[in-house]
Amino acid sequence: MLAKSVTGLGYPLVVIPILAPLTGVETAVAVVTLPNAAANVLVGWRTRHARSDTRDVLMLSATSALGTVAGTFILVSAPEQPLLIVLAAAVLLFVVRSLWFGDVSVSAEFGRRASPAVGLAAGIMQGSVGVSGPIIGSWLHAYRLPRDAYIFALSVLFLIAGAAQIASLASIGAYDADRLTAAAVGFGPVVAVLPVGEHLRARLSGTQFDRFVLVMLAAAGVTLVIRALTG
């Protein structure tokens, strides 16, 4: 949660791989969705002043919501390993490209054209394996947004995709009493850690923030590889 409040990324990436071997992927995803939605509401509200500096949020949100609904049904019917490997490879390639050959940037025109496909892909990953941050985080990082605009855009996208995922999970009966209780326990850390993350974010320079995001994305890619190989 600390990483999420600093960079907008991190909560599902850390918690789902820990829970999945113990509870199964479907339970892990269901438990994480509710506290993660609360985190996105809080982080998005605290960075709402930067909403005018974002790009393509409405299109990314709409297509990611559609993809999430489809991905939720993949969650209960298809193996996750191939999806995880493809996602991890794409994220790690983006990180290597940024570190070794300079920052990747996306023009406004190309962003408008490609954002529907990016949003759809992110939604499918969110619904099927509970993680869309590497796709959306990489894409928005390439937009070169101001720091708070990046955080706000991520929070809005995760919140809308998360709401679609919660509705889809509820429609297939994924929330029983035990899962709801476990989700409720997760709300405490969300509220407690948020101010600490905001304090750390305010102390980072623009370059430091960019590097922190790339570190989080690299960690996400490695985590996905491990999850695919051990799942």
C-alpha atoms as a PDB file:
ATOM      1  CA  MET A   1       0.000   0.000   0.000  1.00  0.00           C
ATOM      2  CA  LEU A   2       2.935   2.339   0.651  1.00  0.00           C
ATOM      3  CA  ALA A   3       4.145   1.881  -2.931  1.00  0.00           C
ATOM      4  CA  LYS A   4       0.617   2.489  -4.231  1.00  0.00           C
ATOM      5  CA  SER A   5       0.217   5.765  -2.359  1.00  0.00           C
ATOM      6  CA  VAL A   6       3.592   6.956  -3.669  1.00  0.00           C
ATOM      7  CA  THR A   7       3.337   5.823  -7.302  1.00  0.00           C
ATOM      8  CA  GLY A   8      -0.269   4.694  -7.807  1.00  0.00           C
ATOM      9  CA  LEU A   9       0.998   1.119  -8.351  1.00  0.00           C
ATOM     10  CA  GLY A  10       1.690  -1.800  -6.091  1.00  0.00           C
ATOM     11  CA  TYR A  11      -1.175  -3.090  -3.929  1.00  0.00           C
ATOM     12  CA  PRO A  12      -2.529  -5.969  -6.074  1.00  0.00           C
ATOM     13  CA  LEU A  13       0.963  -6.705  -7.405  1.00  0.00           C
ATOM     14  CA  VAL A  14       2.188  -7.427  -3.895  1.00  0.00           C
ATOM     15  CA  VAL A  15      -0.871  -8.954  -2.236  1.00  0.00           C
ATOM     16  CA  ILE A  16      -2.255 -11.249  -4.964  1.00  0.00           C
ATOM     17  CA  PRO A  17       0.990 -13.237  -5.471  1.00  0.00           C
ATOM     18  CA  ILE A  18       1.173 -13.746  -1.688  1.00  0.00           C
ATOM     19  CA  LEU A  19      -2.442 -14.838  -1.293  1.00  0.00           C
ATOM     20  CA  ALA A  20      -2.839 -16.873  -4.486  1.00  0.00           C
ATOM     21  CA  PRO A  21      -0.711 -19.898  -3.425  1.00  0.00           C
ATOM     22  CA  LEU A  22      -2.614 -20.032  -0.133  1.00  0.00           C
ATOM     23  CA  THR A  23      -6.172 -19.370  -1.249  1.00  0.00           C
ATOM     24  CA  GLY A  24      -6.268 -19.792  -5.036  1.00  0.00           C
ATOM     25  CA  VAL A  25      -6.265 -17.053  -7.653  1.00  0.00           C
ATOM     26  CA  GLU A  26     -10.015 -16.429  -7.648  1.00  0.00           C
ATOM     27  CA  THR A  27     -10.148 -15.924  -3.871  1.00  0.00           C
ATOM     28  CA  ALA A  28      -7.043 -13.731  -3.884  1.00  0.00           C
ATOM     29  CA  VAL A  29      -8.483 -11.506  -6.613  1.00  0.00           C
ATOM     30  CA  ALA A  30     -11.863 -11.255  -4.880  1.00  0.00           C
ATOM     31  CA  VAL A  31     -10.323 -10.345  -1.511  1.00  0.00           C
ATOM     32  CA  VAL A  32      -8.069  -7.645  -2.961  1.00  0.00           C
ATOM     33  CA  THR A  33     -10.683  -5.890  -5.118  1.00  0.00           C
ATOM     34  CA  LEU A  34     -12.598  -4.129  -2.336  1.00  0.00           C
ATOM     35  CA  PRO A  35      -9.726  -2.563  -0.321  1.00  0.00           C
ATOM     36  CA  ASN A  36      -7.977  -1.716  -3.583  1.00  0.00           C
ATOM     37  CA  ALA A  37     -11.087   0.165  -4.740  1.00  0.00           C
ATOM     38  CA  ALA A  38     -11.039   2.127  -1.475  1.00  0.00           C
ATOM     39  CA  ALA A  39      -7.363   2.940  -1.989  1.00  0.00           C
ATOM     40  CA  ASN A  40      -8.054   4.239  -5.481  1.00  0.00           C
ATOM     41  CA  VAL A  41     -10.899   6.446  -4.247  1.00  0.00           C
ATOM     42  CA  LEU A  42      -8.674   7.979  -1.572  1.00  0.00           C
ATOM     43  CA  VAL A  43      -5.602   8.456  -3.767  1.00  0.00           C
ATOM     44  CA  GLY A  44      -7.665   9.810  -6.660  1.00  0.00           C
ATOM     45  CA  TRP A  45      -9.484  12.277  -4.420  1.00  0.00           C
ATOM     46  CA  ARG A  46      -6.228  13.588  -2.988  1.00  0.00           C
ATOM     47  CA  THR A  47      -4.776  14.189  -6.476  1.00  0.00           C
ATOM     48  CA  ARG A  48      -7.937  15.461  -8.204  1.00  0.00           C
ATOM     49  CA  HIS A  49      -6.384  18.921  -8.634  1.00  0.00           C
ATOM     50  CA  ALA A  50      -4.266  17.435 -11.464  1.00  0.00           C
ATOM     51  CA  ARG A  51      -7.148  16.004 -13.511  1.00  0.00           C
ATOM     52  CA  SER A  52      -6.832  18.679 -16.218  1.00  0.00           C
ATOM     53  CA  ASP A  53      -3.283  17.497 -16.989  1.00  0.00           C
ATOM     54  CA  THR A  54      -4.299  13.925 -17.846  1.00  0.00           C
ATOM     55  CA  ARG A  55      -4.831  12.393 -21.308  1.00  0.00           C
ATOM     56  CA  ASP A  56      -7.257   9.818 -22.726  1.00  0.00           C
ATOM     57  CA  VAL A  57      -8.628   8.863 -19.308  1.00  0.00           C
ATOM     58  CA  LEU A  58     -12.238   8.501 -20.491  1.00  0.00           C
ATOM     59  CA  MET A  59     -11.373   6.214 -23.412  1.00  0.00           C
ATOM     60  CA  LEU A  60      -8.944   4.129 -21.373  1.00  0.00           C
ATOM     61  CA  SER A  61     -11.527   3.821 -18.589  1.00  0.00           C
ATOM     62  CA  ALA A  62     -14.368   2.778 -20.888  1.00  0.00           C
ATOM     63  CA  THR A  63     -12.406   0.121 -22.759  1.00  0.00           C
ATOM     64  CA  SER A  64     -10.712  -1.200 -19.621  1.00  0.00           C
ATOM     65  CA  ALA A  65     -14.134  -1.656 -17.986  1.00  0.00           C
ATOM     66  CA  LEU A  66     -15.282  -3.715 -20.982  1.00  0.00           C
ATOM     67  CA  GLY A  67     -12.095  -5.752 -20.911  1.00  0.00           C
ATOM     68  CA  THR A  68     -12.445  -6.363 -17.179  1.00  0.00           C
ATOM     69  CA  VAL A  69     -15.888  -7.911 -17.601  1.00  0.00           C
ATOM     70  CA  ALA A  70     -14.526 -10.293 -20.244  1.00  0.00           C
ATOM     71  CA  GLY A  71     -11.411 -11.023 -18.196  1.00  0.00           C
ATOM     72  CA  THR A  72     -13.418 -11.938 -15.101  1.00  0.00           C
ATOM     73  CA  PHE A  73     -15.000 -14.832 -16.966  1.00  0.00           C
ATOM     74  CA  ILE A  74     -11.562 -15.873 -18.249  1.00  0.00           C
ATOM     75  CA  LEU A  75     -10.522 -16.015 -14.571  1.00  0.00           C
ATOM     76  CA  VAL A  76     -12.849 -18.947 -13.900  1.00  0.00           C
ATOM     77  CA  SER A  77     -12.325 -20.806 -17.174  1.00  0.00           C
ATOM     78  CA  ALA A  78      -8.791 -20.407 -18.564  1.00  0.00           C
ATOM     79  CA  PRO A  79      -5.181 -20.947 -17.379  1.00  0.00           C
ATOM     80  CA  GLU A  80      -3.420 -17.781 -16.274  1.00  0.00           C
ATOM     81  CA  GLN A  81       0.210 -18.724 -17.006  1.00  0.00           C
ATOM     82  CA  PRO A  82       0.252 -17.700 -20.697  1.00  0.00           C
ATOM     83  CA  LEU A  83      -1.302 -14.326 -19.858  1.00  0.00           C
ATOM     84  CA  LEU A  84       1.199 -13.700 -17.061  1.00  0.00           C
ATOM     85  CA  ILE A  85       4.191 -14.536 -19.244  1.00  0.00           C
ATOM     86  CA  VAL A  86       3.085 -12.223 -22.055  1.00  0.00           C
ATOM     87  CA  LEU A  87       2.337  -9.415 -19.603  1.00  0.00           C
ATOM     88  CA  ALA A  88       5.661  -9.819 -17.791  1.00  0.00           C
ATOM     89  CA  ALA A  89       7.619  -9.824 -21.055  1.00  0.00           C
ATOM     90  CA  ALA A  90       5.918  -6.641 -22.254  1.00  0.00           C
ATOM     91  CA  VAL A  91       6.539  -4.819 -18.977  1.00  0.00           C
ATOM     92  CA  LEU A  92      10.183  -5.838 -18.654  1.00  0.00           C
ATOM     93  CA  LEU A  93      10.825  -4.874 -22.273  1.00  0.00           C
ATOM     94  CA  PHE A  94       9.371  -1.423 -21.569  1.00  0.00           C
ATOM     95  CA  VAL A  95      11.556  -0.993 -18.489  1.00  0.00           C
ATOM     96  CA  VAL A  96      14.732  -2.106 -20.283  1.00  0.00           C
ATOM     97  CA  ARG A  97      13.929   0.158 -23.210  1.00  0.00           C
ATOM     98  CA  SER A  98      13.441   3.143 -20.869  1.00  0.00           C
ATOM     99  CA  LEU A  99      16.575   2.541 -18.808  1.00  0.00           C
ATOM    100  CA  TRP A 100      18.974   1.742 -21.620  1.00  0.00           C
ATOM    101  CA  PHE A 101      17.741   3.834 -24.503  1.00  0.00           C
ATOM    102  CA  GLY A 102      16.072   6.783 -22.818  1.00  0.00           C
ATOM    103  CA  ASP A 103      12.530   7.484 -21.722  1.00  0.00           C
ATOM    104  CA  VAL A 104       9.789   6.152 -23.968  1.00  0.00           C
ATOM    105  CA  SER A 105       7.225   8.791 -24.930  1.00  0.00           C
ATOM    106  CA  VAL A 106       3.858   8.617 -26.674  1.00  0.00           C
ATOM    107  CA  SER A 107       2.572  11.508 -28.759  1.00  0.00           C
ATOM    108  CA  ALA A 108      -0.928  12.856 -28.229  1.00  0.00           C
ATOM    109  CA  GLU A 109      -2.075  11.620 -31.655  1.00  0.00           C
ATOM    110  CA  PHE A 110      -0.715   8.107 -31.234  1.00  0.00           C
ATOM    111  CA  GLY A 111      -2.094   7.982 -27.702  1.00  0.00           C
ATOM    112  CA  ARG A 112      -5.609   8.733 -28.922  1.00  0.00           C
ATOM    113  CA  ARG A 113      -5.390   6.020 -31.577  1.00  0.00           C
ATOM    114  CA  ALA A 114      -3.904   3.325 -29.386  1.00  0.00           C
ATOM    115  CA  SER A 115      -5.640   4.005 -26.051  1.00  0.00           C
ATOM    116  CA  PRO A 116      -8.755   1.867 -26.820  1.00  0.00           C
ATOM    117  CA  ALA A 117      -6.602  -1.226 -27.417  1.00  0.00           C
ATOM    118  CA  VAL A 118      -4.426  -0.489 -24.385  1.00  0.00           C
ATOM    119  CA  GLY A 119      -7.465  -0.028 -22.157  1.00  0.00           C
ATOM    120  CA  LEU A 120      -9.037  -3.256 -23.420  1.00  0.00           C
ATOM    121  CA  ALA A 121      -5.836  -5.235 -22.845  1.00  0.00           C
ATOM    122  CA  ALA A 122      -5.438  -3.778 -19.357  1.00  0.00           C
ATOM    123  CA  GLY A 123      -9.040  -4.628 -18.499  1.00  0.00           C
ATOM    124  CA  ILE A 124      -8.676  -8.226 -19.655  1.00  0.00           C
ATOM    125  CA  MET A 125      -5.592  -8.618 -17.457  1.00  0.00           C
ATOM    126  CA  GLN A 126      -7.373  -6.976 -14.526  1.00  0.00           C
ATOM    127  CA  GLY A 127     -10.313  -9.313 -14.789  1.00  0.00           C
ATOM    128  CA  SER A 128      -8.388 -12.507 -15.498  1.00  0.00           C
ATOM    129  CA  VAL A 129      -5.378 -12.271 -13.172  1.00  0.00           C
ATOM    130  CA  GLY A 130      -6.230  -9.282 -10.962  1.00  0.00           C
ATOM    131  CA  VAL A 131      -3.344  -7.114 -12.214  1.00  0.00           C
ATOM    132  CA  SER A 132      -3.517  -4.352 -14.819  1.00  0.00           C
ATOM    133  CA  GLY A 133      -1.000  -1.940 -13.293  1.00  0.00           C
ATOM    134  CA  PRO A 134       1.964  -2.977 -15.447  1.00  0.00           C
ATOM    135  CA  ILE A 135       0.078  -2.212 -18.660  1.00  0.00           C
ATOM    136  CA  ILE A 136      -1.576   1.028 -17.571  1.00  0.00           C
ATOM    137  CA  GLY A 137       1.425   2.128 -15.527  1.00  0.00           C
ATOM    138  CA  SER A 138       3.777   1.660 -18.482  1.00  0.00           C
ATOM    139  CA  TRP A 139       1.401   3.383 -20.906  1.00  0.00           C
ATOM    140  CA  LEU A 140       0.793   6.428 -18.729  1.00  0.00           C
ATOM    141  CA  HIS A 141       4.486   6.663 -17.881  1.00  0.00           C
ATOM    142  CA  ALA A 142       5.147   6.961 -21.620  1.00  0.00           C
ATOM    143  CA  TYR A 143       2.699   9.901 -21.697  1.00  0.00           C
ATOM    144  CA  ARG A 144       5.209  11.841 -19.569  1.00  0.00           C
ATOM    145  CA  LEU A 145       2.453  13.267 -17.377  1.00  0.00           C
ATOM    146  CA  PRO A 146       3.151  15.481 -14.372  1.00  0.00           C
ATOM    147  CA  ARG A 147       3.509  13.437 -11.187  1.00  0.00           C
ATOM    148  CA  ASP A 148       0.083  14.082  -9.634  1.00  0.00           C
ATOM    149  CA  ALA A 149      -1.652  13.771 -13.016  1.00  0.00           C
ATOM    150  CA  TYR A 150      -0.066  10.339 -13.417  1.00  0.00           C
ATOM    151  CA  ILE A 151      -1.291   9.287  -9.962  1.00  0.00           C
ATOM    152  CA  PHE A 152      -4.788  10.668 -10.569  1.00  0.00           C
ATOM    153  CA  ALA A 153      -5.133   8.985 -13.971  1.00  0.00           C
ATOM    154  CA  LEU A 154      -3.988   5.640 -12.583  1.00  0.00           C
ATOM    155  CA  SER A 155      -6.408   5.880  -9.671  1.00  0.00           C
ATOM    156  CA  VAL A 156      -9.384   6.692 -11.900  1.00  0.00           C
ATOM    157  CA  LEU A 157      -8.562   3.886 -14.340  1.00  0.00           C
ATOM    158  CA  PHE A 158      -8.052   1.343 -11.578  1.00  0.00           C
ATOM    159  CA  LEU A 159     -11.232   2.459  -9.829  1.00  0.00           C
ATOM    160  CA  ILE A 160     -13.445   2.107 -12.913  1.00  0.00           C
ATOM    161  CA  ALA A 161     -11.917  -1.206 -13.956  1.00  0.00           C
ATOM    162  CA  GLY A 162     -12.145  -2.352 -10.342  1.00  0.00           C
ATOM    163  CA  ALA A 163     -15.833  -1.433 -10.134  1.00  0.00           C
ATOM    164  CA  ALA A 164     -16.518  -3.481 -13.275  1.00  0.00           C
ATOM    165  CA  GLN A 165     -14.537  -6.350 -11.800  1.00  0.00           C
ATOM    166  CA  ILE A 166     -16.411  -6.206  -8.481  1.00  0.00           C
ATOM    167  CA  ALA A 167     -19.760  -6.258 -10.298  1.00  0.00           C
ATOM    168  CA  SER A 168     -18.651  -9.193 -12.456  1.00  0.00           C
ATOM    169  CA  LEU A 169     -17.322 -11.156  -9.477  1.00  0.00           C
ATOM    170  CA  ALA A 170     -20.539 -10.508  -7.576  1.00  0.00           C
ATOM    171  CA  SER A 171     -22.574 -11.764 -10.541  1.00  0.00           C
ATOM    172  CA  ILE A 172     -20.801 -15.145 -10.408  1.00  0.00           C
ATOM    173  CA  GLY A 173     -21.098 -15.423  -6.619  1.00  0.00           C
ATOM    174  CA  ALA A 174     -17.439 -14.814  -5.847  1.00  0.00           C
ATOM    175  CA  TYR A 175     -18.068 -12.897  -2.608  1.00  0.00           C
ATOM    176  CA  ASP A 176     -18.939 -15.160   0.306  1.00  0.00           C
ATOM    177  CA  ALA A 177     -18.795 -14.241   3.997  1.00  0.00           C
ATOM    178  CA  ASP A 178     -15.188 -15.361   4.472  1.00  0.00           C
ATOM    179  CA  ARG A 179     -13.942 -13.373   1.475  1.00  0.00           C
ATOM    180  CA  LEU A 180     -15.830 -10.260   2.550  1.00  0.00           C
ATOM    181  CA  THR A 181     -14.351 -10.551   6.046  1.00  0.00           C
ATOM    182  CA  ALA A 182     -10.834 -10.878   4.649  1.00  0.00           C
ATOM    183  CA  ALA A 183     -11.443  -7.868   2.394  1.00  0.00           C
ATOM    184  CA  ALA A 184     -12.658  -5.812   5.352  1.00  0.00           C
ATOM    185  CA  VAL A 185      -9.401  -6.532   7.183  1.00  0.00           C
ATOM    186  CA  GLY A 186      -7.532  -5.016   4.252  1.00  0.00           C
ATOM    187  CA  PHE A 187      -9.160  -1.601   4.686  1.00  0.00           C
ATOM    188  CA  GLY A 188      -7.103  -0.795   7.793  1.00  0.00           C
ATOM    189  CA  PRO A 189      -3.673  -0.672   6.105  1.00  0.00           C
ATOM    190  CA  VAL A 190      -5.142   1.372   3.239  1.00  0.00           C
ATOM    191  CA  VAL A 191      -6.192   4.195   5.562  1.00  0.00           C
ATOM    192  CA  ALA A 192      -3.134   3.997   7.799  1.00  0.00           C
ATOM    193  CA  VAL A 193      -0.415   4.081   5.126  1.00  0.00           C
ATOM    194  CA  LEU A 194      -1.886   6.650   2.716  1.00  0.00           C
ATOM    195  CA  PRO A 195      -0.525   9.781   4.510  1.00  0.00           C
ATOM    196  CA  VAL A 196       2.955   8.255   4.721  1.00  0.00           C
ATOM    197  CA  GLY A 197       2.999   7.591   0.989  1.00  0.00           C
ATOM    198  CA  GLU A 198       1.829  11.113   0.192  1.00  0.00           C
ATOM    199  CA  HIS A 199       4.618  12.541   2.340  1.00  0.00           C
ATOM    200  CA  LEU A 200       7.241  10.458   0.534  1.00  0.00           C
ATOM    201  CA  ARG A 201       5.819  11.348  -2.894  1.00  0.00           C
ATOM    202  CA  ALA A 202       6.045  15.075  -2.108  1.00  0.00           C
ATOM    203  CA  ARG A 203       9.742  14.699  -1.318  1.00  0.00           C
ATOM    204  CA  LEU A 204      10.645  13.080  -4.640  1.00  0.00           C
ATOM    205  CA  SER A 205      11.894  15.145  -7.548  1.00  0.00           C
ATOM    206  CA  GLY A 206      10.430  14.540 -10.997  1.00  0.00           C
ATOM    207  CA  THR A 207      13.394  12.373 -12.032  1.00  0.00           C
ATOM    208  CA  GLN A 208      13.310  10.424  -8.782  1.00  0.00           C
ATOM    209  CA  PHE A 209       9.603   9.801  -9.199  1.00  0.00           C
ATOM    210  CA  ASP A 210      10.114   8.505 -12.759  1.00  0.00           C
ATOM    211  CA  ARG A 211      12.832   6.145 -11.550  1.00  0.00           C
ATOM    212  CA  PHE A 212      10.651   4.961  -8.684  1.00  0.00           C
ATOM    213  CA  VAL A 213       7.879   4.128 -11.141  1.00  0.00           C
ATOM    214  CA  LEU A 214      10.288   2.170 -13.346  1.00  0.00           C
ATOM    215  CA  VAL A 215      11.544   0.249 -10.310  1.00  0.00           C
ATOM    216  CA  MET A 216       7.952  -0.633  -9.406  1.00  0.00           C
ATOM    217  CA  LEU A 217       7.249  -1.763 -12.962  1.00  0.00           C
ATOM    218  CA  ALA A 218      10.410  -3.888 -13.012  1.00  0.00           C
ATOM    219  CA  ALA A 219       9.428  -5.459  -9.703  1.00  0.00           C
ATOM    220  CA  ALA A 220       5.975  -6.122 -11.130  1.00  0.00           C
ATOM    221  CA  GLY A 221       7.441  -7.858 -14.165  1.00  0.00           C
ATOM    222  CA  VAL A 222       9.668 -10.090 -12.041  1.00  0.00           C
ATOM    223  CA  THR A 223       6.746 -10.881  -9.709  1.00  0.00           C
ATOM    224  CA  LEU A 224       4.608 -11.901 -12.667  1.00  0.00           C
ATOM    225  CA  VAL A 225       7.346 -14.204 -14.007  1.00  0.00           C
ATOM    226  CA  ILE A 226       7.669 -15.866 -10.606  1.00  0.00           C
ATOM    227  CA  ARG A 227       3.894 -16.211 -10.327  1.00  0.00           C
ATOM    228  CA  ALA A 228       3.686 -17.770 -13.793  1.00  0.00           C
ATOM    229  CA  LEU A 229       6.497 -20.253 -13.103  1.00  0.00           C
ATOM    230  CA  THR A 230       5.306 -21.258  -9.636  1.00  0.00           C
ATOM    231  CA  GLY A 231       1.537 -21.037 -10.188  1.00  0.00           C
END
